[in-house]
Structure formats: C-alpha cells, structure tokens
Amino acid sequence: MQRYDLVVIGAGPGGYVGAIRAAQNGLRVAVIEKKAVGGTCLNVGCIPSKNYLEHAHWALTFKEAEKYGFTFSTPSFDYARLVKHKNQVIKKLQGGIQHLFKQHAIDYIEGQASVIDQKLLVDGKEIAYDKLLLATGSHPFVPPIKGIETVDYLTTDTFFDLETLPTELAIIGGGVIAVELAFAMQPLGTKVSLIEVAPDILLTEDPEARQLIKQQLLAMGIKVITKAKIEQVTKQKIRLNDQEITFSHLLVAAGRKPNLELVQQLAIDLDANGRFVKVNPYYQTSRENIYAVGDLIGGYQLAHAASAEALKAVAAICKQPTYPVLKEDVPRCIYTTPEVASFGLSEQEAKEQYQEIKVKKVPFAGNGKAIATEHTQGFVKLIIDQQYHQLLGAVIVGSGATEMIHTLLATKQAEGTIDELANMTFAHPTLSEVIGEGANGLLGQAIHG
C-alpha cells in the first residue's frame, strides 16, 4: 500500500495549488477528486461565467459602436458555439493542471473519498497518509421554497450544462454569482428577472457601487426585485405576494454551503455556529495531522482565497514560518459592466475601528482615457487613516477595475501609504490616473479636482 506524506482531498483551486506547493517542498503527494479536476471555479464557476460574460461584452460593444458611426447587419448569435468554446476552455485548463501534477510527480486519484474506522478509502481502496489537507469545497444552497421540488430548476452547478439559450431566465438570488449571470445572459437575448429576498442586491459590497450596478441592470432591461416575498414556485411561474414572474428556466443562486460529509466522518470540530470547520491560524483542524482550507472554513468563498490559504497551510505542514491569510488583503471582484473590485475595510468598518479616517471618491467622468473610450461610468474610492495615511480599504467601479485594484493592494501589502501613491507617476492617458488623483486629493493637492 502506497503511503503519502500528504493527501489532498479536492482538486479545486485550494487543493491543486496546495498539492503542487507541497510537492515543490519535497513531499510525496496524492490528490483525490470525485468529480473533475479544477473544482467548482474551473468547471462551473469563475471560468465558464467569465467566458459567457465576455460574449455578452461583445454584444454590448456592438450596440455601443452603433452610436458612433458603425453599422452592422442584423446580428445573430449561435449559443451552441458559445457552449462549445466554454467546454474547450475548461478542457484546456484541466489539461494544464493534469500536466502540473505529472510534472511534480503528484498522484491523481479519481474517486469518492470516505473514512471508515479512521481509514481513508477511495472507492473501497485504502490510502495511507501522514498529513491530510481537506479542500472539498461547497455545493449550491437551495432555500426551502414552496413548490421548488416540483420544478426542474438549475443551480450554478448545472447552469452551464444548458445547450440552448433560455428565452426567459428567472434568477432567485442577488449575490455576486446571480448578478454576474444576469449581466451575461441579457445581452445574449435572454429576458432576465433577478429576485432577491434581502433589502438589496450585492449587500456585501460598497453601497455606492451596489447602487451603480443596480442602475445598470435596470438600464439593460433586467427586472430587479428586492425584498421579494416568494409564496410559491410552479413549473413556469414564481408567485410573489404582489406579482408573478414567468420563466422558461429557473436558476437558484442563493449561495453555497460547505461539503462537510468527510469532515463529519473524521469527527473534526466545527465552529461555534456549526457551519464551518474550525481551524487555527495555521489552518490546522482539531485533529493535529489534518488541515482545511477554502469554502470549508468560511471567510470569502473565492478561488484565490482558497489558493492563498492552501499555500499557508502547506507552509505550516512543512514547518516553515507562516501567517494566516488576512481577510482585508483579499481582493473581491465582480465581473459586471462596469466591473467592481474592492479590498479591506468599508467606510463604516473603518469608522468603527479607527479614530479618524479620510475618504476620497474620484469619478472616472473627468478622466481623459475614460472620456475618449466611453468608459466614464464608475469611480475610485480610497479609505485611509488620517494619522498615518495607511490605506485601509479601496473600491473601484469601472472598466478594468478587477485589474486596477492590484496597484492599490500592492501598495497596502508593501506597507506603503497614500503618499507613495500620490508621488507615483501614472501614464497618460490611462484610467489608473484616477488612483493618483484620489491619492493627491486626500493630501489636498489634486490637480484636476
């Protein structure tokens, strides 16, 4: 029987990244995966959704171009080709991970892991290990809605299996995934309704960013219903207390819950609320030789957060100096049009934690590149402490926001202050100049506002 220094369960962005780093450190490693290499992000999450969003962006670009002199024949769209391209992208990236496993001599084991009498089994075959890293991810949460069991509804795990374009798509949920898919489908020709029971969509985001994205959804013709009271779901209708929403397809995108089956078999302690695995700052569970990362342990359910946690966990396993991933250093991105990116403390959180703060918001509307390219929607918001000028948080709403945010995050992680950003030379014309303008504005020396 083969014995491994480390067995990783789950080949998503936490599992495969942790496995490769462990192998780089000389450990004998195996990865067990019951579904598909790459996990939720690669197969039914981040990657396919961005592929669909890019197609939607092309459709929106055609419409925008017509305002400025371009003429096109009657457009047509082949949804089957989109699906085919999405599958090609996934296959290519899966192959890349498999290649990395071979390159680092990592054994990839397909099958269902289980624990019986404290033995790790894969489809009945025992796998011996010294250390275990759990990266089993999560699954869609389906709320208890009357009639939902009678409907052939979709979740984010099944949505990308569709081979024909929905005519009417009702989405229950108003979080990041729900909003992104609304942005993806409406420009492709689907009539979209977004139904959220909470007071607003995107409640985890900056209020001004949230409002701008909501306005854009409405401008695109997407029906947005908040504070919804869902009374019943039937095969083609959602009955609310004050109206009915028809659909050809129903997507339930109301969040995700961690996969805890293996955790329970291993008798690992959960947190105080019983929802997530309890870990120490080194991602070690209540069992000394077992570690856990990603959606299992709460925090941000983001691929890059899981990868970062896995690297820290492997450092601890290899007895290297390490520290936990700080929540305020994890960027949060929404790939809408315009994009939203942020990190760190919100204005309200900063006010609660610091005696004095300063906030500067600079719109893209006055930026030369933005005006020239018709990307004037959005803003850069910088939040600093007044005494030391530390960057406490930032929000960017605009074209390329998910790329631009890293300039600010790099400054923060390098322990730089707003003064360094103010002294930095930004190329002209660029959208990033708004960052420099905001930094100088906080110091009372902005040139353009």
Protein backbone atom coordinates (compact mmCIF):
# COMPACT_ATOMS: atom_id res chain seq x y z
CA MET A 1 0.00 0.00 0.00
CA GLN A 2 1.37 3.41 -1.05
CA ARG A 3 1.88 5.84 1.81
CA TYR A 4 1.92 9.59 1.18
CA ASP A 5 3.39 12.45 3.17
CA LEU A 6 0.32 14.48 2.22
CA VAL A 7 -3.02 13.53 0.73
CA VAL A 8 -5.12 16.39 -0.59
CA ILE A 9 -8.84 15.81 -0.98
CA GLY A 10 -10.28 18.08 -3.64
CA ALA A 11 -8.62 19.27 -6.85
CA GLY A 12 -10.06 22.77 -6.92
CA PRO A 13 -8.04 25.99 -6.55
CA GLY A 14 -7.25 25.19 -2.93
CA GLY A 15 -6.41 21.53 -3.41
CA TYR A 16 -4.34 21.53 -6.57
CA VAL A 17 -2.34 24.63 -5.59
CA GLY A 18 -1.59 23.17 -2.15
CA ALA A 19 -0.58 19.85 -3.69
CA ILE A 20 1.88 21.45 -6.11
CA ARG A 21 3.48 23.57 -3.38
CA ALA A 22 3.82 20.51 -1.14
CA ALA A 23 5.50 18.56 -3.95
CA GLN A 24 7.84 21.50 -4.57
CA ASN A 25 8.85 21.14 -0.92
CA GLY A 26 9.77 17.50 -1.43
CA LEU A 27 6.64 15.79 -0.09
CA ARG A 28 5.15 12.67 -1.64
CA VAL A 29 1.67 13.87 -2.58
CA ALA A 30 -1.61 12.46 -3.83
CA VAL A 31 -4.75 14.34 -4.82
CA ILE A 32 -8.19 12.74 -4.62
CA GLU A 33 -11.06 14.18 -6.65
CA LYS A 34 -14.55 12.71 -7.10
CA LYS A 35 -15.73 14.99 -9.93
CA ALA A 36 -13.46 16.99 -12.23
CA VAL A 37 -10.02 18.45 -11.77
CA GLY A 38 -10.17 22.20 -11.24
CA GLY A 39 -13.14 22.17 -8.89
CA THR A 40 -16.13 24.50 -8.93
CA CYS A 41 -14.16 27.54 -10.14
CA LEU A 42 -12.85 25.95 -13.31
CA ASN A 43 -15.79 23.75 -14.23
CA VAL A 44 -18.97 25.55 -13.14
CA GLY A 45 -17.90 28.88 -11.68
CA CYS A 46 -15.26 31.52 -12.33
CA ILE A 47 -14.05 30.34 -15.72
CA PRO A 48 -17.26 29.48 -17.60
CA SER A 49 -19.03 32.56 -16.23
CA LYS A 50 -16.23 34.83 -17.44
CA ASN A 51 -16.40 33.15 -20.83
CA TYR A 52 -20.13 33.93 -21.05
CA LEU A 53 -19.58 37.48 -19.75
CA GLU A 54 -17.02 38.12 -22.46
CA HIS A 55 -19.53 37.09 -25.13
CA ALA A 56 -22.08 39.40 -23.52
CA HIS A 57 -19.49 42.20 -23.54
CA TRP A 58 -19.02 41.73 -27.29
CA ALA A 59 -22.79 42.03 -27.78
CA LEU A 60 -22.89 45.23 -25.73
CA THR A 61 -19.92 46.62 -27.66
CA PHE A 62 -21.77 46.16 -30.96
CA LYS A 63 -24.69 48.16 -29.59
CA GLU A 64 -22.42 50.88 -28.27
CA ALA A 65 -20.48 51.11 -31.54
CA GLU A 66 -23.68 51.83 -33.48
CA LYS A 67 -23.96 55.14 -31.62
CA TYR A 68 -20.67 56.28 -33.10
CA GLY A 69 -20.93 55.55 -36.81
CA PHE A 70 -20.68 51.79 -37.13
CA THR A 71 -23.39 49.88 -38.94
CA PHE A 72 -23.92 46.12 -38.76
CA SER A 73 -26.22 43.72 -40.49
CA THR A 74 -28.91 42.07 -38.39
CA PRO A 75 -26.89 40.28 -35.68
CA SER A 76 -27.36 36.60 -34.95
CA PHE A 77 -25.97 34.50 -32.15
CA ASP A 78 -25.16 30.80 -32.03
CA TYR A 79 -25.44 29.70 -28.39
CA ALA A 80 -24.17 26.21 -29.22
CA ARG A 81 -20.84 27.68 -30.36
CA LEU A 82 -20.56 29.59 -27.08
CA VAL A 83 -21.08 26.36 -25.14
CA LYS A 84 -18.55 24.57 -27.34
CA HIS A 85 -15.97 27.30 -26.75
CA LYS A 86 -16.63 27.22 -23.00
CA ASN A 87 -16.03 23.47 -22.96
CA GLN A 88 -12.78 23.90 -24.93
CA VAL A 89 -11.55 26.48 -22.41
CA ILE A 90 -12.34 24.18 -19.48
CA LYS A 91 -10.68 21.20 -21.15
CA LYS A 92 -7.54 23.22 -21.88
CA LEU A 93 -7.22 24.41 -18.28
CA GLN A 94 -7.95 20.95 -16.89
CA GLY A 95 -5.16 19.61 -19.08
CA GLY A 96 -2.84 22.27 -17.69
CA ILE A 97 -3.48 21.13 -14.11
CA GLN A 98 -3.02 17.47 -15.05
CA HIS A 99 0.29 18.39 -16.68
CA LEU A 100 1.41 20.14 -13.50
CA PHE A 101 0.53 17.05 -11.46
CA LYS A 102 2.70 14.90 -13.72
CA GLN A 103 5.50 17.47 -13.70
CA HIS A 104 5.61 17.37 -9.89
CA ALA A 105 5.09 13.59 -9.59
CA ILE A 106 1.73 14.02 -7.87
CA ASP A 107 -0.56 11.00 -7.98
CA TYR A 108 -4.06 11.98 -9.14
CA ILE A 109 -6.71 9.60 -7.86
CA GLU A 110 -10.24 9.82 -9.23
CA GLY A 111 -12.96 8.58 -6.93
CA GLN A 112 -15.07 9.14 -3.84
CA ALA A 113 -13.10 9.51 -0.61
CA SER A 114 -14.61 8.21 2.61
CA VAL A 115 -13.44 7.38 6.10
CA ILE A 116 -14.37 4.09 7.77
CA ASP A 117 -12.82 3.03 11.09
CA GLN A 118 -10.42 6.00 10.75
CA LYS A 119 -9.10 4.63 7.45
CA LEU A 120 -9.13 6.80 4.32
CA LEU A 121 -10.68 4.89 1.44
CA VAL A 122 -11.22 5.75 -2.22
CA ASP A 123 -13.88 3.51 -3.73
CA GLY A 124 -13.01 0.87 -1.15
CA LYS A 125 -9.21 1.06 -1.55
CA GLU A 126 -7.22 2.31 1.46
CA ILE A 127 -4.89 5.30 1.08
CA ALA A 128 -2.28 5.79 3.81
CA TYR A 129 -1.09 9.26 4.77
CA ASP A 130 0.83 11.24 7.34
CA LYS A 131 -0.98 14.55 6.78
CA LEU A 132 -4.33 15.34 5.20
CA LEU A 133 -5.42 18.60 3.55
CA LEU A 134 -9.17 18.98 3.11
CA ALA A 135 -10.22 21.21 0.21
CA THR A 136 -13.59 19.69 -0.59
CA GLY A 137 -15.31 22.96 -1.43
CA SER A 138 -19.03 23.61 -1.34
CA HIS A 139 -22.35 22.97 -3.07
CA PRO A 140 -25.27 25.22 -4.01
CA PHE A 141 -27.72 26.14 -1.26
CA VAL A 142 -31.36 25.74 -2.24
CA PRO A 143 -33.68 27.57 0.17
CA PRO A 144 -36.94 25.94 1.30
CA ILE A 145 -39.38 27.48 -1.18
CA LYS A 146 -42.88 26.09 -1.56
CA GLY A 147 -43.14 24.09 -4.78
CA ILE A 148 -39.41 24.15 -5.59
CA GLU A 149 -39.28 20.35 -5.57
CA THR A 150 -41.78 20.24 -8.46
CA VAL A 151 -39.61 22.38 -10.74
CA ASP A 152 -36.67 21.25 -12.86
CA TYR A 153 -34.60 24.18 -11.59
CA LEU A 154 -30.96 24.93 -12.28
CA THR A 155 -28.16 25.72 -9.86
CA THR A 156 -24.77 27.16 -10.69
CA ASP A 157 -23.52 23.55 -10.77
CA THR A 158 -25.89 22.72 -13.66
CA PHE A 159 -26.49 26.05 -15.40
CA PHE A 160 -23.51 25.69 -17.73
CA ASP A 161 -24.82 22.34 -18.97
CA LEU A 162 -27.56 24.15 -20.90
CA GLU A 163 -27.18 23.62 -24.63
CA THR A 164 -29.88 26.07 -25.73
CA LEU A 165 -30.28 29.74 -24.87
CA PRO A 166 -33.05 30.34 -22.30
CA THR A 167 -35.79 32.66 -23.51
CA GLU A 168 -36.83 33.78 -20.02
CA LEU A 169 -34.47 33.25 -17.09
CA ALA A 170 -35.61 33.88 -13.53
CA ILE A 171 -32.78 34.02 -11.00
CA ILE A 172 -33.51 33.60 -7.32
CA GLY A 173 -30.65 35.35 -5.53
CA GLY A 174 -28.96 38.73 -5.67
CA GLY A 175 -25.37 37.95 -4.77
CA VAL A 176 -22.28 38.14 -6.95
CA ILE A 177 -22.93 34.95 -8.96
CA ALA A 178 -26.58 35.82 -9.60
CA VAL A 179 -25.76 39.35 -10.72
CA GLU A 180 -22.89 38.25 -12.98
CA LEU A 181 -25.10 35.70 -14.74
CA ALA A 182 -27.81 38.32 -15.22
CA PHE A 183 -25.21 40.53 -16.92
CA ALA A 184 -24.06 37.57 -19.02
CA MET A 185 -27.45 36.39 -20.29
CA GLN A 186 -29.48 39.53 -21.00
CA PRO A 187 -27.17 40.86 -23.79
CA LEU A 188 -27.23 37.43 -25.44
CA GLY A 189 -31.01 37.66 -25.89
CA THR A 190 -32.44 36.17 -22.71
CA LYS A 191 -35.12 38.04 -20.78
CA VAL A 192 -33.80 38.06 -17.19
CA SER A 193 -35.55 38.64 -13.87
CA LEU A 194 -33.47 38.91 -10.69
CA ILE A 195 -35.35 38.12 -7.48
CA GLU A 196 -33.75 38.85 -4.09
CA VAL A 197 -35.48 38.44 -0.72
CA ALA A 198 -32.95 40.72 1.03
CA PRO A 199 -33.38 44.53 1.08
CA ASP A 200 -30.99 44.93 -1.85
CA ILE A 201 -28.67 43.06 -4.21
CA LEU A 202 -24.92 42.74 -3.51
CA LEU A 203 -25.27 43.53 0.19
CA THR A 204 -21.61 42.62 0.80
CA GLU A 205 -20.44 45.43 -1.49
CA ASP A 206 -19.91 49.18 -1.17
CA PRO A 207 -23.35 50.91 -1.13
CA GLU A 208 -22.44 53.32 -3.94
CA ALA A 209 -21.04 50.51 -6.07
CA ARG A 210 -24.15 48.46 -5.41
CA GLN A 211 -26.41 51.32 -6.49
CA LEU A 212 -24.50 51.89 -9.72
CA ILE A 213 -24.65 48.20 -10.67
CA LYS A 214 -28.35 48.10 -9.88
CA GLN A 215 -28.95 51.09 -12.15
CA GLN A 216 -27.01 49.36 -14.91
CA LEU A 217 -29.08 46.17 -14.54
CA LEU A 218 -32.26 48.19 -14.93
CA ALA A 219 -30.85 50.13 -17.89
CA MET A 220 -30.13 46.80 -19.63
CA GLY A 221 -33.78 45.82 -19.24
CA ILE A 222 -33.25 43.33 -16.43
CA LYS A 223 -36.10 43.17 -13.95
CA VAL A 224 -34.75 43.57 -10.41
CA ILE A 225 -36.99 42.72 -7.48
CA THR A 226 -35.72 43.21 -3.92
CA LYS A 227 -37.45 42.49 -0.61
CA ALA A 228 -39.22 39.75 -2.53
CA LYS A 229 -41.71 37.54 -0.73
CA ILE A 230 -41.79 34.28 -2.62
CA GLU A 231 -45.05 32.46 -1.94
CA GLN A 232 -44.71 29.55 -4.36
CA VAL A 233 -42.88 28.25 -7.40
CA THR A 234 -44.67 26.35 -10.15
CA LYS A 235 -43.34 24.89 -13.40
CA GLN A 236 -43.34 28.21 -15.27
CA LYS A 237 -44.05 30.88 -12.66
CA ILE A 238 -42.75 32.34 -9.43
CA ARG A 239 -45.62 33.71 -7.40
CA LEU A 240 -44.68 36.64 -5.20
CA ASN A 241 -47.00 38.39 -2.78
CA ASP A 242 -47.65 41.19 -5.29
CA GLN A 243 -46.87 39.80 -8.76
CA GLU A 244 -45.97 36.75 -10.83
CA ILE A 245 -42.72 36.18 -12.73
CA THR A 246 -42.78 33.80 -15.68
CA PHE A 247 -39.75 31.81 -16.83
CA SER A 248 -38.60 29.19 -19.28
CA HIS A 249 -35.68 28.40 -16.96
CA LEU A 250 -35.26 28.93 -13.22
CA LEU A 251 -31.81 29.40 -11.67
CA VAL A 252 -31.45 29.19 -7.91
CA ALA A 253 -28.29 31.12 -6.99
CA ALA A 254 -28.80 31.74 -3.30
CA GLY A 255 -25.31 30.97 -2.03
CA ARG A 256 -23.28 27.86 -1.27
CA LYS A 257 -22.80 25.52 1.69
CA PRO A 258 -19.56 23.66 2.58
CA ASN A 259 -19.22 19.97 1.81
CA LEU A 260 -18.90 18.55 5.33
CA GLU A 261 -19.53 14.83 4.77
CA LEU A 262 -15.86 13.85 5.07
CA VAL A 263 -15.35 16.29 7.93
CA GLN A 264 -18.12 14.56 9.86
CA GLN A 265 -16.65 11.13 9.13
CA LEU A 266 -13.32 12.34 10.50
CA ALA A 267 -15.04 13.75 13.63
CA ILE A 268 -13.44 17.17 13.14
CA ASP A 269 -14.73 20.07 15.23
CA LEU A 270 -16.86 22.78 13.63
CA ASP A 271 -17.01 26.45 14.60
CA ALA A 272 -19.38 27.85 17.23
CA ASN A 273 -22.23 28.11 14.71
CA GLY A 274 -21.71 24.58 13.43
CA ARG A 275 -21.42 25.80 9.83
CA PHE A 276 -17.71 25.62 9.02
CA VAL A 277 -14.59 23.70 10.01
CA LYS A 278 -12.78 25.24 12.95
CA VAL A 279 -9.09 25.88 12.20
CA ASN A 280 -6.22 27.63 13.97
CA PRO A 281 -4.06 30.34 12.31
CA TYR A 282 -2.11 27.58 10.52
CA TYR A 283 -5.29 26.02 9.04
CA GLN A 284 -4.93 23.05 11.36
CA THR A 285 -8.17 21.40 12.45
CA SER A 286 -8.98 19.82 15.81
CA ARG A 287 -7.07 16.79 14.56
CA GLU A 288 -3.37 17.58 14.58
CA ASN A 289 -2.46 15.98 11.25
CA ILE A 290 -5.47 17.31 9.31
CA TYR A 291 -5.73 20.76 7.74
CA ALA A 292 -8.60 22.50 5.94
CA VAL A 293 -8.91 25.45 3.54
CA GLY A 294 -11.32 27.21 1.22
CA ASP A 295 -15.10 27.10 1.43
CA LEU A 296 -14.87 24.60 4.30
CA ILE A 297 -13.59 27.19 6.76
CA GLY A 298 -15.79 30.21 5.98
CA GLY A 299 -14.47 33.63 5.08
CA TYR A 300 -14.58 34.63 1.43
CA GLN A 301 -15.77 31.86 -0.88
CA LEU A 302 -13.28 32.84 -3.55
CA ALA A 303 -10.90 30.72 -5.60
CA HIS A 304 -7.89 32.94 -4.91
CA ALA A 305 -8.64 32.94 -1.18
CA ALA A 306 -8.63 29.13 -1.16
CA SER A 307 -5.34 29.05 -3.08
CA ALA A 308 -3.71 31.52 -0.70
CA GLU A 309 -4.91 29.56 2.33
CA ALA A 310 -3.59 26.32 0.87
CA LEU A 311 -0.14 27.81 0.40
CA LYS A 312 -0.13 28.92 4.05
CA ALA A 313 -1.35 25.53 5.23
CA VAL A 314 1.38 23.72 3.30
CA ALA A 315 3.98 26.08 4.73
CA ALA A 316 2.79 25.08 8.20
CA ILE A 317 2.84 21.38 7.27
CA CYS A 318 6.43 21.81 6.08
CA LYS A 319 7.28 23.64 9.33
CA GLN A 320 8.11 26.90 7.56
CA PRO A 321 7.43 30.32 9.09
CA THR A 322 3.99 31.46 8.05
CA TYR A 323 0.97 33.53 8.99
CA PRO A 324 -2.71 33.32 8.05
CA VAL A 325 -4.27 34.99 5.02
CA LEU A 326 -5.63 38.33 6.18
CA LYS A 327 -9.20 38.91 5.09
CA GLU A 328 -8.53 42.58 4.43
CA ASP A 329 -5.80 41.65 1.92
CA VAL A 330 -8.07 39.52 -0.27
CA PRO A 331 -9.42 41.35 -3.34
CA ARG A 332 -13.11 40.95 -4.13
CA CYS A 333 -14.13 41.21 -7.79
CA ILE A 334 -17.41 41.36 -9.68
CA TYR A 335 -17.16 40.99 -13.45
CA THR A 336 -20.14 43.10 -14.42
CA THR A 337 -20.21 46.06 -16.83
CA PRO A 338 -18.73 48.14 -15.31
CA GLU A 339 -16.60 45.91 -13.09
CA VAL A 340 -16.41 46.24 -9.30
CA ALA A 341 -13.28 45.49 -7.28
CA SER A 342 -12.50 46.15 -3.64
CA PHE A 343 -10.48 45.09 -0.62
CA GLY A 344 -10.05 45.96 3.02
CA LEU A 345 -12.42 47.87 5.27
CA SER A 346 -15.59 49.57 4.17
CA GLU A 347 -16.21 53.18 5.18
CA GLN A 348 -18.41 52.04 8.06
CA GLU A 349 -15.93 49.44 9.28
CA ALA A 350 -13.08 51.98 9.11
CA LYS A 351 -15.08 54.47 11.19
CA GLU A 352 -15.73 51.81 13.81
CA GLN A 353 -12.07 50.72 14.06
CA TYR A 354 -10.14 54.00 13.70
CA GLN A 355 -10.45 57.33 15.47
CA GLU A 356 -10.20 59.42 12.35
CA ILE A 357 -10.37 58.41 8.71
CA LYS A 358 -10.43 60.20 5.38
CA VAL A 359 -12.31 59.07 2.29
CA LYS A 360 -11.80 60.32 -1.25
CA LYS A 361 -14.00 59.38 -4.18
CA VAL A 362 -12.93 60.38 -7.69
CA PRO A 363 -15.24 59.63 -10.64
CA PHE A 364 -13.97 58.41 -14.00
CA ALA A 365 -16.18 61.01 -15.67
CA GLY A 366 -13.34 63.56 -15.73
CA ASN A 367 -10.59 61.18 -16.86
CA GLY A 368 -9.22 61.69 -20.40
CA LYS A 369 -8.92 58.00 -21.28
CA ALA A 370 -12.40 57.31 -19.90
CA ILE A 371 -13.94 60.13 -21.94
CA ALA A 372 -12.13 59.11 -25.12
CA THR A 373 -13.17 55.47 -24.84
CA GLU A 374 -16.68 55.97 -23.41
CA HIS A 375 -15.80 54.31 -20.10
CA THR A 376 -16.90 57.14 -17.82
CA GLN A 377 -19.08 55.05 -15.51
CA GLY A 378 -17.77 54.49 -12.02
CA PHE A 379 -15.23 55.82 -9.56
CA VAL A 380 -12.22 55.12 -7.37
CA LYS A 381 -12.78 55.36 -3.61
CA LEU A 382 -9.83 55.40 -1.20
CA ILE A 383 -10.18 54.98 2.56
CA ILE A 384 -7.20 55.91 4.79
CA ASP A 385 -6.50 56.59 8.44
CA GLN A 386 -5.87 60.28 8.91
CA GLN A 387 -2.85 59.96 11.21
CA TYR A 388 -0.54 57.64 9.26
CA HIS A 389 -2.13 57.74 5.80
CA GLN A 390 -2.40 53.94 5.72
CA LEU A 391 -4.64 52.51 3.03
CA LEU A 392 -7.46 50.82 4.95
CA GLY A 393 -9.69 49.94 2.03
CA ALA A 394 -10.46 50.73 -1.57
CA VAL A 395 -13.27 50.37 -4.07
CA ILE A 396 -13.00 50.69 -7.84
CA VAL A 397 -16.06 50.65 -10.07
CA GLY A 398 -15.28 50.95 -13.76
CA SER A 399 -13.77 49.39 -16.85
CA GLY A 400 -10.81 47.19 -15.89
CA ALA A 401 -11.46 47.61 -12.16
CA THR A 402 -10.54 43.98 -11.42
CA GLU A 403 -7.07 44.59 -12.87
CA MET A 404 -6.54 48.10 -11.46
CA ILE A 405 -7.28 47.06 -7.86
CA HIS A 406 -3.91 45.32 -7.61
CA THR A 407 -1.99 48.60 -7.78
CA LEU A 408 -3.69 49.64 -4.55
CA LEU A 409 -3.42 46.22 -2.93
CA ALA A 410 0.30 46.01 -3.71
CA THR A 411 0.79 49.40 -2.05
CA LYS A 412 -1.03 48.22 1.06
CA GLN A 413 0.81 44.92 1.31
CA ALA A 414 4.16 46.67 0.86
CA GLU A 415 3.19 48.84 3.85
CA GLY A 416 3.11 51.88 1.61
CA THR A 417 0.93 54.88 2.32
CA ILE A 418 -1.21 57.18 0.25
CA ASP A 419 1.86 59.43 -0.01
CA GLU A 420 3.64 56.86 -2.19
CA LEU A 421 0.65 56.67 -4.50
CA ALA A 422 0.48 60.46 -4.69
CA ASN A 423 4.15 60.61 -5.73
CA MET A 424 3.84 57.84 -8.30
CA THR A 425 3.93 58.80 -12.00
CA PHE A 426 0.92 57.35 -13.79
CA ALA A 427 1.00 57.03 -17.57
CA HIS A 428 -1.29 59.34 -19.52
CA PRO A 429 -3.86 58.69 -20.76
CA THR A 430 -4.87 55.79 -18.52
CA LEU A 431 -7.82 55.01 -16.29
CA SER A 432 -5.31 54.38 -13.49
CA GLU A 433 -4.60 58.11 -13.32
CA VAL A 434 -7.77 58.34 -11.22
CA ILE A 435 -5.92 56.43 -8.47
CA GLY A 436 -3.19 59.07 -8.41
CA GLU A 437 -5.77 61.83 -8.48
CA GLY A 438 -7.54 60.28 -5.49
CA ALA A 439 -4.30 59.93 -3.54
CA ASN A 440 -3.36 63.55 -4.19
CA GLY A 441 -6.88 64.61 -3.31
CA LEU A 442 -6.53 63.05 0.13
CA LEU A 443 -3.42 65.18 0.63
CA GLY A 444 -5.17 68.32 -0.56
CA GLN A 445 -3.09 68.60 -3.73
CA ALA A 446 -5.24 67.19 -6.54
CA ILE A 447 -4.67 68.85 -9.90
CA HIS A 448 -7.99 68.12 -11.56
CA GLY A 449 -10.42 68.23 -8.66
